[in-house]
């Protein structure tokens, strides 16, 4: 594909994914033409951006002779669902360390439903072992929880490979570095030269990969992450830390400090996995206008942010912009009570 020396990778995603124009929405907004990189179509149940990163992470796990995967995330983690299903495909044990999300404004929500829903339903269906912890314990003791379960499987004669939240680390960065040549081909086929690539940033790995890939391939575009949690300072540090780890681990001839990291944290809303009515309105309207499904945790927030930025004239003078659709439909299903259809 190119002269860059990639580490081992498993071919697990359905690539390349389509690049789709949203012409009705673009006309309605009167801004640049919006294109969507459909990474929600990387697979059926494994759908989303996580599979690109896991192609490299799981290859490394197998290379090290591991037979068990341990990872973590929120109760409706897309990454954990993808890991559970891919582990099943590869014949690996999977143990998920999940964070209970509790309530929204004091009201219990479907994220903690007694009967598993959405991503959590698929975690169990794929045969993953699931350990749920309250939010405070999860945040305070996560390294110790990883160590506990690693030792547990070691005592059983298994060798575990630990994957951080979102597979966002020095190895996972390769997932979206690997996407840049694909985007180059997409843009050439469509006859466009987008100046901005927009996506939801939650664990930072997708942004690290795109940002590093743009630098590595001398790709003339700005990568913009719209935060779905935390703030811009957090993501500046997290994304750069992942890029530094990637550069160090694989001896990449780039200066990580010279790679720009652009984050907009104005659209986080009430918090992680919590969206306000403006986001649900965007989800409803886009589904009806373009037949494109977003979720309230990641893509809905980021797409809402992109629309607001278009309305504010922040992309004035740009003819085309690209939104990377990172999946999340199963998370939407777990919050269906918050998405009340408009009945006429």
Foldseek 3Di string as FASTA:
>chain_A
DDDDDADQFAQDFDDDAAWAWQVVVCVVLVFATEIERQQQVRDPQLGFLLNLLVRQVVRVCVVVVAQEEEEEEELQASNLLNCLQVSLVVNGAYEYEYEYPADDPNHGALSPDPQDFFSNNSSVVSPHHYDYDYHVCCVVCVVVVVVVVQVVVVVVVGHYDYAYRSSAALSSLCSLLVCVVVVVVNCVVVVHQFAEEEWEDEQQSNQLNNLVSCVLVVRRHYYEYEYQADDPVVNVVRSLNRNVRNCVVPVDPDDSVPGDRHYDDPQNPPHALDHDVLLLVQQQVCCVSPVDHAARRIGSSRVSVVSVCRSVVVNPPTNYYYYYRRHDVSSRRSRVVVNDDDDD
